[in-house]
Amino acid sequence: MQIVVDLNRCQGYAQCVFLAPRVFELHGEEALRYSPAPPDEQAERVRRAVAACPVQAILVGAQAGPEAVAGAGADVR
């Protein structure tokens, strides 16, 4: 699973952090860090985080494409 967060769209609501804390974390008050290739056991939590994002800033799978992954955030693992 590949994910990319559009950090320009992200508003720091942190729903992803609450739902998938091993994949997403807040650094400071609003800076989001995430793992662009989370382990398979986190897939369901990531899907829930994607659905819960109020600004739809998280892209998964084909939406996250290789060109988008190249600019992904810092790995939090």
N, C-alpha and C. Protein backbone atom coordinates (compact mmCIF):
# COMPACT_ATOMS: atom_id res chain seq x y z
N MET A 1 0.85 -1.18 0.00
CA MET A 1 0.00 0.00 0.00
C MET A 1 0.89 1.24 0.00
N GLN A 2 0.59 2.14 -0.90
CA GLN A 2 1.29 3.42 -0.96
C GLN A 2 0.31 4.53 -0.62
N ILE A 3 0.76 5.48 0.17
CA ILE A 3 -0.09 6.63 0.48
C ILE A 3 0.68 7.93 0.29
N VAL A 4 -0.05 8.97 -0.02
CA VAL A 4 0.50 10.31 -0.12
C VAL A 4 -0.52 11.25 0.51
N VAL A 5 -0.03 12.20 1.29
CA VAL A 5 -0.89 13.22 1.86
C VAL A 5 -0.60 14.53 1.14
N ASP A 6 -1.63 15.16 0.64
CA ASP A 6 -1.49 16.48 0.03
C ASP A 6 -1.35 17.47 1.19
N LEU A 7 -0.12 17.83 1.50
CA LEU A 7 0.15 18.68 2.66
C LEU A 7 -0.34 20.11 2.46
N ASN A 8 -0.60 20.50 1.22
CA ASN A 8 -1.21 21.81 0.97
C ASN A 8 -2.69 21.80 1.32
N ARG A 9 -3.32 20.66 1.16
CA ARG A 9 -4.74 20.51 1.47
C ARG A 9 -4.97 20.20 2.95
N CYS A 10 -4.05 19.46 3.57
CA CYS A 10 -4.19 19.05 4.98
C CYS A 10 -4.34 20.27 5.88
N GLN A 11 -5.33 20.22 6.77
CA GLN A 11 -5.59 21.33 7.69
C GLN A 11 -5.25 20.97 9.14
N GLY A 12 -4.66 19.80 9.37
CA GLY A 12 -4.24 19.42 10.71
C GLY A 12 -5.37 18.99 11.64
N TYR A 13 -6.47 18.48 11.08
CA TYR A 13 -7.58 18.01 11.92
C TYR A 13 -7.20 16.76 12.72
N ALA A 14 -6.19 16.03 12.27
CA ALA A 14 -5.59 14.89 12.97
C ALA A 14 -6.49 13.67 13.09
N GLN A 15 -7.52 13.56 12.28
CA GLN A 15 -8.34 12.35 12.31
C GLN A 15 -7.49 11.14 11.94
N CYS A 16 -6.58 11.31 11.00
CA CYS A 16 -5.70 10.21 10.60
C CYS A 16 -4.80 9.77 11.75
N VAL A 17 -4.34 10.72 12.53
CA VAL A 17 -3.45 10.42 13.66
C VAL A 17 -4.19 9.58 14.70
N PHE A 18 -5.44 9.91 14.95
CA PHE A 18 -6.23 9.16 15.92
C PHE A 18 -6.56 7.76 15.42
N LEU A 19 -6.80 7.61 14.13
CA LEU A 19 -7.22 6.33 13.57
C LEU A 19 -6.06 5.41 13.18
N ALA A 20 -4.92 5.98 12.83
CA ALA A 20 -3.76 5.18 12.42
C ALA A 20 -2.47 5.79 12.98
N PRO A 21 -2.30 5.75 14.30
CA PRO A 21 -1.15 6.42 14.92
C PRO A 21 0.22 5.83 14.56
N ARG A 22 0.26 4.62 14.05
CA ARG A 22 1.54 4.04 13.63
C ARG A 22 1.93 4.48 12.22
N VAL A 23 1.01 5.16 11.55
CA VAL A 23 1.26 5.61 10.18
C VAL A 23 1.37 7.13 10.12
N PHE A 24 0.55 7.83 10.90
CA PHE A 24 0.50 9.29 10.88
C PHE A 24 0.84 9.85 12.26
N GLU A 25 1.53 10.99 12.29
CA GLU A 25 1.77 11.67 13.56
C GLU A 25 1.87 13.17 13.30
N LEU A 26 1.48 13.93 14.30
CA LEU A 26 1.63 15.38 14.22
C LEU A 26 2.98 15.75 14.81
N HIS A 27 3.70 16.57 14.11
CA HIS A 27 4.99 17.07 14.57
C HIS A 27 4.76 18.56 14.84
N GLY A 28 4.73 18.92 16.10
CA GLY A 28 4.35 20.28 16.45
C GLY A 28 2.83 20.38 16.45
N GLU A 29 2.31 21.54 16.19
CA GLU A 29 0.86 21.73 16.26
C GLU A 29 0.13 21.32 14.99
N GLU A 30 0.75 21.49 13.83
CA GLU A 30 0.03 21.21 12.59
C GLU A 30 0.82 20.45 11.53
N ALA A 31 2.11 20.22 11.72
CA ALA A 31 2.92 19.55 10.71
C ALA A 31 2.70 18.04 10.78
N LEU A 32 2.18 17.47 9.71
CA LEU A 32 1.90 16.04 9.66
C LEU A 32 3.09 15.29 9.09
N ARG A 33 3.44 14.19 9.76
CA ARG A 33 4.44 13.26 9.25
C ARG A 33 3.74 11.93 9.07
N TYR A 34 4.16 11.17 8.07
CA TYR A 34 3.51 9.89 7.81
C TYR A 34 4.45 8.94 7.10
N SER A 35 4.10 7.67 7.14
CA SER A 35 4.85 6.64 6.46
C SER A 35 4.23 6.43 5.07
N PRO A 36 4.95 6.70 3.99
CA PRO A 36 4.38 6.57 2.65
C PRO A 36 4.11 5.13 2.22
N ALA A 37 4.70 4.16 2.91
CA ALA A 37 4.48 2.74 2.60
C ALA A 37 4.24 1.98 3.90
N PRO A 38 3.07 2.16 4.51
CA PRO A 38 2.80 1.51 5.79
C PRO A 38 2.71 -0.01 5.64
N PRO A 39 3.00 -0.74 6.71
CA PRO A 39 2.90 -2.20 6.66
C PRO A 39 1.46 -2.64 6.39
N ASP A 40 1.31 -3.82 5.80
CA ASP A 40 -0.01 -4.34 5.43
C ASP A 40 -0.97 -4.43 6.60
N GLU A 41 -0.46 -4.70 7.79
CA GLU A 41 -1.35 -4.82 8.95
C GLU A 41 -2.00 -3.49 9.34
N GLN A 42 -1.53 -2.40 8.77
CA GLN A 42 -2.12 -1.08 9.03
C GLN A 42 -3.14 -0.67 7.95
N ALA A 43 -3.36 -1.52 6.96
CA ALA A 43 -4.20 -1.15 5.81
C ALA A 43 -5.61 -0.74 6.21
N GLU A 44 -6.25 -1.48 7.08
CA GLU A 44 -7.63 -1.14 7.48
C GLU A 44 -7.66 0.19 8.22
N ARG A 45 -6.68 0.43 9.08
CA ARG A 45 -6.62 1.70 9.80
C ARG A 45 -6.40 2.87 8.83
N VAL A 46 -5.56 2.65 7.83
CA VAL A 46 -5.31 3.70 6.83
C VAL A 46 -6.59 3.98 6.05
N ARG A 47 -7.32 2.94 5.66
CA ARG A 47 -8.58 3.14 4.93
C ARG A 47 -9.57 3.96 5.76
N ARG A 48 -9.63 3.68 7.04
CA ARG A 48 -10.51 4.46 7.92
C ARG A 48 -10.05 5.91 8.00
N ALA A 49 -8.75 6.11 8.06
CA ALA A 49 -8.21 7.48 8.11
C ALA A 49 -8.53 8.23 6.82
N VAL A 50 -8.41 7.56 5.69
CA VAL A 50 -8.75 8.18 4.40
C VAL A 50 -10.21 8.62 4.40
N ALA A 51 -11.09 7.73 4.85
CA ALA A 51 -12.52 8.04 4.87
C ALA A 51 -12.86 9.16 5.84
N ALA A 52 -12.09 9.27 6.93
CA ALA A 52 -12.38 10.27 7.97
C ALA A 52 -11.78 11.64 7.69
N CYS A 53 -10.86 11.74 6.75
CA CYS A 53 -10.21 13.03 6.48
C CYS A 53 -11.23 14.03 5.95
N PRO A 54 -11.50 15.10 6.69
CA PRO A 54 -12.54 16.04 6.27
C PRO A 54 -12.21 16.84 5.01
N VAL A 55 -10.94 16.89 4.64
CA VAL A 55 -10.56 17.64 3.43
C VAL A 55 -10.05 16.71 2.32
N GLN A 56 -10.17 15.40 2.52
CA GLN A 56 -9.76 14.39 1.54
C GLN A 56 -8.34 14.61 1.05
N ALA A 57 -7.43 14.77 2.01
CA ALA A 57 -6.03 15.04 1.68
C ALA A 57 -5.18 13.79 1.52
N ILE A 58 -5.72 12.61 1.86
CA ILE A 58 -4.94 11.37 1.82
C ILE A 58 -5.28 10.58 0.57
N LEU A 59 -4.26 10.26 -0.22
CA LEU A 59 -4.43 9.46 -1.43
C LEU A 59 -3.82 8.09 -1.19
N VAL A 60 -4.48 7.04 -1.69
CA VAL A 60 -4.04 5.66 -1.47
C VAL A 60 -3.97 4.91 -2.79
N GLY A 61 -3.01 3.99 -2.87
CA GLY A 61 -2.92 3.10 -4.02
C GLY A 61 -2.66 3.82 -5.31
N ALA A 62 -3.46 3.50 -6.35
CA ALA A 62 -3.26 4.08 -7.68
C ALA A 62 -3.37 5.60 -7.65
N GLN A 63 -4.21 6.14 -6.78
CA GLN A 63 -4.33 7.60 -6.66
C GLN A 63 -3.02 8.22 -6.22
N ALA A 64 -2.24 7.47 -5.42
CA ALA A 64 -0.99 7.98 -4.89
C ALA A 64 0.15 7.85 -5.88
N GLY A 65 -0.03 7.12 -6.98
CA GLY A 65 0.93 6.95 -8.06
C GLY A 65 2.39 7.16 -7.72
N PRO A 66 3.30 6.59 -8.49
CA PRO A 66 4.73 6.71 -8.24
C PRO A 66 5.24 8.14 -8.25
N GLU A 67 4.69 8.98 -9.12
CA GLU A 67 5.15 10.37 -9.16
C GLU A 67 4.76 11.12 -7.90
N ALA A 68 3.62 10.80 -7.31
CA ALA A 68 3.20 11.45 -6.06
C ALA A 68 4.01 10.94 -4.88
N VAL A 69 4.36 9.65 -4.89
CA VAL A 69 5.12 9.06 -3.78
C VAL A 69 6.51 9.68 -3.68
N ALA A 70 7.08 10.12 -4.78
CA ALA A 70 8.41 10.71 -4.77
C ALA A 70 8.50 11.92 -3.85
N GLY A 71 7.41 12.63 -3.65
CA GLY A 71 7.42 13.80 -2.78
C GLY A 71 6.77 13.55 -1.44
N ALA A 72 6.70 12.30 -1.02
CA ALA A 72 5.99 11.92 0.21
C ALA A 72 6.68 12.45 1.46
N GLY A 73 5.92 12.48 2.55
CA GLY A 73 6.41 12.97 3.85
C GLY A 73 7.40 12.04 4.50
N ALA A 74 7.95 12.46 5.61
CA ALA A 74 8.95 11.68 6.34
C ALA A 74 8.35 10.41 6.90
N ASP A 75 9.14 9.36 6.91
CA ASP A 75 8.72 8.07 7.44
C ASP A 75 8.65 8.15 8.96
N VAL A 76 7.55 7.70 9.56
CA VAL A 76 7.39 7.78 11.01
C VAL A 76 7.66 6.46 11.71
N ARG A 77 8.03 5.44 10.97
CA ARG A 77 8.25 4.13 11.60
C ARG A 77 9.46 4.13 12.46
